[in-house]
Amino acid sequence: FVEDGVPANGDDAETIDVSFSGYKGTTF
């Protein structure tokens, strides 16, 4: 673990939607 875990070469990710199924999704 590090204080600033931001990926060094990462792209912006303001909203992340994960689709588990047609019934269930989780948003970050």
PDB file of all heavy atoms in Angstrom:
ATOM      1  N   PHE A   1       0.835  -1.194   0.000  1.00  0.00           N
ATOM      2  CA  PHE A   1       0.000   0.000   0.000  1.00  0.00           C
ATOM      3  C   PHE A   1       0.875   1.251   0.000  1.00  0.00           C
ATOM      4  O   PHE A   1       1.899   1.312   0.690  1.00  0.00           O
ATOM      5  CB  PHE A   1      -0.909   0.009   1.232  1.00  0.00           C
ATOM      6  CG  PHE A   1      -1.926  -1.098   1.231  1.00  0.00           C
ATOM      7  CD1 PHE A   1      -1.617  -2.342   1.776  1.00  0.00           C
ATOM      8  CD2 PHE A   1      -3.183  -0.906   0.693  1.00  0.00           C
ATOM      9  CE1 PHE A   1      -2.545  -3.366   1.785  1.00  0.00           C
ATOM     10  CE2 PHE A   1      -4.121  -1.933   0.689  1.00  0.00           C
ATOM     11  CZ  PHE A   1      -3.808  -3.162   1.231  1.00  0.00           C
ATOM     12  N   VAL A   2       0.461   2.239  -0.769  1.00  0.00           N
ATOM     13  CA  VAL A   2       1.161   3.522  -0.829  1.00  0.00           C
ATOM     14  C   VAL A   2       0.135   4.631  -0.634  1.00  0.00           C
ATOM     15  O   VAL A   2      -1.050   4.468  -0.915  1.00  0.00           O
ATOM     16  CB  VAL A   2       1.896   3.708  -2.173  1.00  0.00           C
ATOM     17  CG1 VAL A   2       3.032   2.704  -2.304  1.00  0.00           C
ATOM     18  CG2 VAL A   2       0.941   3.567  -3.358  1.00  0.00           C
ATOM     19  N   GLU A   3       0.597   5.785  -0.141  1.00  0.00           N
ATOM     20  CA  GLU A   3      -0.314   6.893   0.123  1.00  0.00           C
ATOM     21  C   GLU A   3      -1.012   7.364  -1.142  1.00  0.00           C
ATOM     22  O   GLU A   3      -2.183   7.711  -1.134  1.00  0.00           O
ATOM     23  CB  GLU A   3       0.449   8.055   0.767  1.00  0.00           C
ATOM     24  CG  GLU A   3       0.850   7.807   2.216  1.00  0.00           C
ATOM     25  CD  GLU A   3      -0.356   7.673   3.143  1.00  0.00           C
ATOM     26  OE1 GLU A   3      -1.435   8.193   2.808  1.00  0.00           O
ATOM     27  OE2 GLU A   3      -0.206   7.044   4.202  1.00  0.00           O
ATOM     28  N   ASP A   4      -0.278   7.403  -2.246  1.00  0.00           N
ATOM     29  CA  ASP A   4      -0.863   7.811  -3.519  1.00  0.00           C
ATOM     30  C   ASP A   4      -0.823   6.623  -4.462  1.00  0.00           C
ATOM     31  O   ASP A   4       0.173   6.362  -5.118  1.00  0.00           O
ATOM     32  CB  ASP A   4      -0.079   8.986  -4.107  1.00  0.00           C
ATOM     33  CG  ASP A   4      -0.703   9.502  -5.396  1.00  0.00           C
ATOM     34  OD1 ASP A   4      -1.779   8.989  -5.774  1.00  0.00           O
ATOM     35  OD2 ASP A   4      -0.129  10.405  -6.024  1.00  0.00           O
ATOM     36  N   GLY A   5      -1.933   5.890  -4.527  1.00  0.00           N
ATOM     37  CA  GLY A   5      -1.951   4.679  -5.337  1.00  0.00           C
ATOM     38  C   GLY A   5      -2.390   4.901  -6.769  1.00  0.00           C
ATOM     39  O   GLY A   5      -2.693   3.938  -7.475  1.00  0.00           O
ATOM     40  N   VAL A   6      -2.453   6.152  -7.209  1.00  0.00           N
ATOM     41  CA  VAL A   6      -2.918   6.435  -8.561  1.00  0.00           C
ATOM     42  C   VAL A   6      -1.995   5.762  -9.574  1.00  0.00           C
ATOM     43  O   VAL A   6      -0.776   5.837  -9.465  1.00  0.00           O
ATOM     44  CB  VAL A   6      -2.983   7.957  -8.818  1.00  0.00           C
ATOM     45  CG1 VAL A   6      -1.625   8.612  -8.671  1.00  0.00           C
ATOM     46  CG2 VAL A   6      -3.575   8.245 -10.185  1.00  0.00           C
ATOM     47  N   PRO A   7      -2.554   5.040 -10.553  1.00  0.00           N
ATOM     48  CA  PRO A   7      -1.716   4.402 -11.576  1.00  0.00           C
ATOM     49  C   PRO A   7      -0.867   5.436 -12.312  1.00  0.00           C
ATOM     50  O   PRO A   7      -1.383   6.469 -12.765  1.00  0.00           O
ATOM     51  CB  PRO A   7      -2.742   3.757 -12.516  1.00  0.00           C
ATOM     52  CG  PRO A   7      -3.969   3.572 -11.681  1.00  0.00           C
ATOM     53  CD  PRO A   7      -3.986   4.733 -10.731  1.00  0.00           C
ATOM     54  N   ALA A   8       0.426   5.173 -12.439  1.00  0.00           N
ATOM     55  CA  ALA A   8       1.352   6.147 -13.020  1.00  0.00           C
ATOM     56  C   ALA A   8       0.962   6.523 -14.447  1.00  0.00           C
ATOM     57  O   ALA A   8       1.061   7.682 -14.850  1.00  0.00           O
ATOM     58  CB  ALA A   8       2.773   5.588 -12.988  1.00  0.00           C
ATOM     59  N   ASN A   9       0.539   5.547 -15.218  1.00  0.00           N
ATOM     60  CA  ASN A   9       0.168   5.798 -16.613  1.00  0.00           C
ATOM     61  C   ASN A   9      -1.331   5.617 -16.827  1.00  0.00           C
ATOM     62  O   ASN A   9      -1.773   5.231 -17.915  1.00  0.00           O
ATOM     63  CB  ASN A   9       0.956   4.866 -17.536  1.00  0.00           C
ATOM     64  CG  ASN A   9       2.454   5.074 -17.415  1.00  0.00           C
ATOM     65  OD1 ASN A   9       2.935   6.203 -17.457  1.00  0.00           O
ATOM     66  ND2 ASN A   9       3.195   3.986 -17.253  1.00  0.00           N
ATOM     67  N   GLY A  10      -2.106   5.883 -15.785  1.00  0.00           N
ATOM     68  CA  GLY A  10      -3.535   5.629 -15.854  1.00  0.00           C
ATOM     69  C   GLY A  10      -4.316   6.682 -16.621  1.00  0.00           C
ATOM     70  O   GLY A  10      -3.867   7.819 -16.804  1.00  0.00           O
ATOM     71  N   ASP A  11      -5.484   6.295 -17.063  1.00  0.00           N
ATOM     72  CA  ASP A  11      -6.425   7.191 -17.716  1.00  0.00           C
ATOM     73  C   ASP A  11      -7.522   7.582 -16.726  1.00  0.00           C
ATOM     74  O   ASP A  11      -7.744   6.908 -15.725  1.00  0.00           O
ATOM     75  CB  ASP A  11      -7.046   6.513 -18.940  1.00  0.00           C
ATOM     76  CG  ASP A  11      -6.009   6.204 -20.018  1.00  0.00           C
ATOM     77  OD1 ASP A  11      -5.160   7.081 -20.279  1.00  0.00           O
ATOM     78  OD2 ASP A  11      -6.036   5.084 -20.559  1.00  0.00           O
ATOM     79  N   ASP A  12      -8.227   8.670 -17.045  1.00  0.00           N
ATOM     80  CA  ASP A  12      -9.274   9.156 -16.150  1.00  0.00           C
ATOM     81  C   ASP A  12     -10.361   8.107 -15.938  1.00  0.00           C
ATOM     82  O   ASP A  12     -10.752   7.396 -16.871  1.00  0.00           O
ATOM     83  CB  ASP A  12      -9.902  10.423 -16.719  1.00  0.00           C
ATOM     84  CG  ASP A  12      -8.956  11.618 -16.662  1.00  0.00           C
ATOM     85  OD1 ASP A  12      -7.994  11.560 -15.874  1.00  0.00           O
ATOM     86  OD2 ASP A  12      -9.191  12.588 -17.402  1.00  0.00           O
ATOM     87  N   ALA A  13     -10.829   8.020 -14.708  1.00  0.00           N
ATOM     88  CA  ALA A  13     -11.923   7.105 -14.366  1.00  0.00           C
ATOM     89  C   ALA A  13     -12.791   7.774 -13.313  1.00  0.00           C
ATOM     90  O   ALA A  13     -12.693   7.475 -12.126  1.00  0.00           O
ATOM     91  CB  ALA A  13     -11.375   5.776 -13.871  1.00  0.00           C
ATOM     92  N   GLU A  14     -13.636   8.701 -13.759  1.00  0.00           N
ATOM     93  CA  GLU A  14     -14.531   9.385 -12.835  1.00  0.00           C
ATOM     94  C   GLU A  14     -15.694   8.471 -12.427  1.00  0.00           C
ATOM     95  O   GLU A  14     -16.119   8.486 -11.284  1.00  0.00           O
ATOM     96  CB  GLU A  14     -15.068  10.663 -13.482  1.00  0.00           C
ATOM     97  CG  GLU A  14     -13.992  11.690 -13.814  1.00  0.00           C
ATOM     98  CD  GLU A  14     -13.305  12.246 -12.586  1.00  0.00           C
ATOM     99  OE1 GLU A  14     -14.013  12.480 -11.584  1.00  0.00           O
ATOM    100  OE2 GLU A  14     -12.075  12.421 -12.610  1.00  0.00           O
ATOM    101  N   THR A  15     -16.190   7.695 -13.397  1.00  0.00           N
ATOM    102  CA  THR A  15     -17.298   6.773 -13.132  1.00  0.00           C
ATOM    103  C   THR A  15     -16.993   5.418 -13.746  1.00  0.00           C
ATOM    104  O   THR A  15     -16.614   5.328 -14.918  1.00  0.00           O
ATOM    105  CB  THR A  15     -18.623   7.306 -13.721  1.00  0.00           C
ATOM    106  OG1 THR A  15     -18.893   8.590 -13.165  1.00  0.00           O
ATOM    107  CG2 THR A  15     -19.766   6.360 -13.388  1.00  0.00           C
ATOM    108  N   ILE A  16     -17.134   4.368 -12.940  1.00  0.00           N
ATOM    109  CA  ILE A  16     -16.888   2.996 -13.404  1.00  0.00           C
ATOM    110  C   ILE A  16     -18.157   2.193 -13.189  1.00  0.00           C
ATOM    111  O   ILE A  16     -18.684   2.139 -12.066  1.00  0.00           O
ATOM    112  CB  ILE A  16     -15.730   2.350 -12.633  1.00  0.00           C
ATOM    113  CG1 ILE A  16     -14.458   3.198 -12.744  1.00  0.00           C
ATOM    114  CG2 ILE A  16     -15.466   0.930 -13.134  1.00  0.00           C
ATOM    115  CD1 ILE A  16     -13.343   2.772 -11.803  1.00  0.00           C
ATOM    116  N   ASP A  17     -18.666   1.591 -14.247  1.00  0.00           N
ATOM    117  CA  ASP A  17     -19.857   0.747 -14.155  1.00  0.00           C
ATOM    118  C   ASP A  17     -19.463  -0.695 -14.457  1.00  0.00           C
ATOM    119  O   ASP A  17     -18.898  -0.981 -15.511  1.00  0.00           O
ATOM    120  CB  ASP A  17     -20.922   1.198 -15.155  1.00  0.00           C
ATOM    121  CG  ASP A  17     -21.502   2.560 -14.794  1.00  0.00           C
ATOM    122  OD1 ASP A  17     -22.112   2.669 -13.721  1.00  0.00           O
ATOM    123  OD2 ASP A  17     -21.324   3.512 -15.586  1.00  0.00           O
ATOM    124  N   VAL A  18     -19.778  -1.583 -13.528  1.00  0.00           N
ATOM    125  CA  VAL A  18     -19.466  -3.006 -13.682  1.00  0.00           C
ATOM    126  C   VAL A  18     -20.773  -3.773 -13.811  1.00  0.00           C
ATOM    127  O   VAL A  18     -21.615  -3.743 -12.899  1.00  0.00           O
ATOM    128  CB  VAL A  18     -18.660  -3.530 -12.480  1.00  0.00           C
ATOM    129  CG1 VAL A  18     -18.347  -5.022 -12.658  1.00  0.00           C
ATOM    130  CG2 VAL A  18     -17.359  -2.730 -12.322  1.00  0.00           C
ATOM    131  N   SER A  19     -20.944  -4.464 -14.926  1.00  0.00           N
ATOM    132  CA  SER A  19     -22.160  -5.236 -15.168  1.00  0.00           C
ATOM    133  C   SER A  19     -21.915  -6.696 -14.795  1.00  0.00           C
ATOM    134  O   SER A  19     -21.136  -7.391 -15.444  1.00  0.00           O
ATOM    135  CB  SER A  19     -22.556  -5.130 -16.644  1.00  0.00           C
ATOM    136  OG  SER A  19     -23.626  -6.007 -16.934  1.00  0.00           O
ATOM    137  N   PHE A  20     -22.578  -7.162 -13.737  1.00  0.00           N
ATOM    138  CA  PHE A  20     -22.468  -8.558 -13.335  1.00  0.00           C
ATOM    139  C   PHE A  20     -23.453  -9.436 -14.093  1.00  0.00           C
ATOM    140  O   PHE A  20     -23.185 -10.601 -14.361  1.00  0.00           O
ATOM    141  CB  PHE A  20     -22.718  -8.697 -11.832  1.00  0.00           C
ATOM    142  CG  PHE A  20     -21.617  -8.153 -10.975  1.00  0.00           C
ATOM    143  CD1 PHE A  20     -21.670  -6.845 -10.512  1.00  0.00           C
ATOM    144  CD2 PHE A  20     -20.524  -8.936 -10.627  1.00  0.00           C
ATOM    145  CE1 PHE A  20     -20.651  -6.336  -9.716  1.00  0.00           C
ATOM    146  CE2 PHE A  20     -19.502  -8.440  -9.836  1.00  0.00           C
ATOM    147  CZ  PHE A  20     -19.565  -7.129  -9.384  1.00  0.00           C
ATOM    148  N   SER A  21     -24.611  -8.857 -14.408  1.00  0.00           N
ATOM    149  CA  SER A  21     -25.673  -9.594 -15.102  1.00  0.00           C
ATOM    150  C   SER A  21     -26.692  -8.574 -15.577  1.00  0.00           C
ATOM    151  O   SER A  21     -26.553  -7.359 -15.336  1.00  0.00           O
ATOM    152  CB  SER A  21     -26.330 -10.605 -14.164  1.00  0.00           C
ATOM    153  OG  SER A  21     -27.049  -9.929 -13.142  1.00  0.00           O
ATOM    154  N   GLY A  22     -27.742  -9.073 -16.212  1.00  0.00           N
ATOM    155  CA  GLY A  22     -28.818  -8.168 -16.595  1.00  0.00           C
ATOM    156  C   GLY A  22     -29.550  -7.611 -15.395  1.00  0.00           C
ATOM    157  O   GLY A  22     -30.199  -6.565 -15.471  1.00  0.00           O
ATOM    158  N   TYR A  23     -29.449  -8.294 -14.249  1.00  0.00           N
ATOM    159  CA  TYR A  23     -30.130  -7.865 -13.030  1.00  0.00           C
ATOM    160  C   TYR A  23     -29.274  -6.925 -12.192  1.00  0.00           C
ATOM    161  O   TYR A  23     -29.787  -5.994 -11.558  1.00  0.00           O
ATOM    162  CB  TYR A  23     -30.505  -9.097 -12.199  1.00  0.00           C
ATOM    163  CG  TYR A  23     -30.970  -8.798 -10.792  1.00  0.00           C
ATOM    164  CD1 TYR A  23     -32.274  -8.344 -10.552  1.00  0.00           C
ATOM    165  CD2 TYR A  23     -30.120  -8.958  -9.697  1.00  0.00           C
ATOM    166  CE1 TYR A  23     -32.707  -8.065  -9.266  1.00  0.00           C
ATOM    167  CE2 TYR A  23     -30.542  -8.688  -8.410  1.00  0.00           C
ATOM    168  CZ  TYR A  23     -31.839  -8.248  -8.197  1.00  0.00           C
ATOM    169  OH  TYR A  23     -32.267  -7.964  -6.918  1.00  0.00           O
ATOM    170  N   LYS A  24     -27.964  -7.146 -12.165  1.00  0.00           N
ATOM    171  CA  LYS A  24     -27.118  -6.479 -11.173  1.00  0.00           C
ATOM    172  C   LYS A  24     -25.915  -5.785 -11.799  1.00  0.00           C
ATOM    173  O   LYS A  24     -25.174  -6.362 -12.587  1.00  0.00           O
ATOM    174  CB  LYS A  24     -26.610  -7.508 -10.147  1.00  0.00           C
ATOM    175  CG  LYS A  24     -25.704  -6.921  -9.058  1.00  0.00           C
ATOM    176  CD  LYS A  24     -26.422  -5.868  -8.222  1.00  0.00           C
ATOM    177  CE  LYS A  24     -25.604  -5.406  -7.030  1.00  0.00           C
ATOM    178  NZ  LYS A  24     -24.422  -4.629  -7.395  1.00  0.00           N
ATOM    179  N   GLY A  25     -25.742  -4.527 -11.411  1.00  0.00           N
ATOM    180  CA  GLY A  25     -24.554  -3.768 -11.756  1.00  0.00           C
ATOM    181  C   GLY A  25     -24.111  -2.958 -10.548  1.00  0.00           C
ATOM    182  O   GLY A  25     -24.911  -2.672  -9.651  1.00  0.00           O
ATOM    183  N   THR A  26     -22.833  -2.597 -10.505  1.00  0.00           N
ATOM    184  CA  THR A  26     -22.294  -1.782  -9.412  1.00  0.00           C
ATOM    185  C   THR A  26     -21.557  -0.594 -10.015  1.00  0.00           C
ATOM    186  O   THR A  26     -20.819  -0.752 -10.992  1.00  0.00           O
ATOM    187  CB  THR A  26     -21.342  -2.592  -8.522  1.00  0.00           C
ATOM    188  OG1 THR A  26     -22.062  -3.711  -7.984  1.00  0.00           O
ATOM    189  CG2 THR A  26     -20.808  -1.759  -7.370  1.00  0.00           C
ATOM    190  N   THR A  27     -21.760   0.585  -9.443  1.00  0.00           N
ATOM    191  CA  THR A  27     -21.167   1.813  -9.966  1.00  0.00           C
ATOM    192  C   THR A  27     -20.252   2.438  -8.918  1.00  0.00           C
ATOM    193  O   THR A  27     -20.590   2.492  -7.724  1.00  0.00           O
ATOM    194  CB  THR A  27     -22.264   2.822 -10.349  1.00  0.00           C
ATOM    195  OG1 THR A  27     -23.087   2.256 -11.373  1.00  0.00           O
ATOM    196  CG2 THR A  27     -21.652   4.123 -10.862  1.00  0.00           C
ATOM    197  N   PHE A  28     -19.104   2.911  -9.394  1.00  0.00           N
ATOM    198  CA  PHE A  28     -18.130   3.589  -8.537  1.00  0.00           C
ATOM    199  C   PHE A  28     -17.941   5.004  -9.078  1.00  0.00           C
ATOM    200  O   PHE A  28     -17.551   5.189 -10.236  1.00  0.00           O
ATOM    201  CB  PHE A  28     -16.797   2.835  -8.531  1.00  0.00           C
ATOM    202  CG  PHE A  28     -16.928   1.395  -8.116  1.00  0.00           C
ATOM    203  CD1 PHE A  28     -17.168   0.406  -9.061  1.00  0.00           C
ATOM    204  CD2 PHE A  28     -16.817   1.032  -6.789  1.00  0.00           C
ATOM    205  CE1 PHE A  28     -17.296  -0.922  -8.690  1.00  0.00           C
ATOM    206  CE2 PHE A  28     -16.945  -0.294  -6.401  1.00  0.00           C
ATOM    207  CZ  PHE A  28     -17.189  -1.270  -7.358  1.00  0.00           C
TER     208      PHE A  28
END
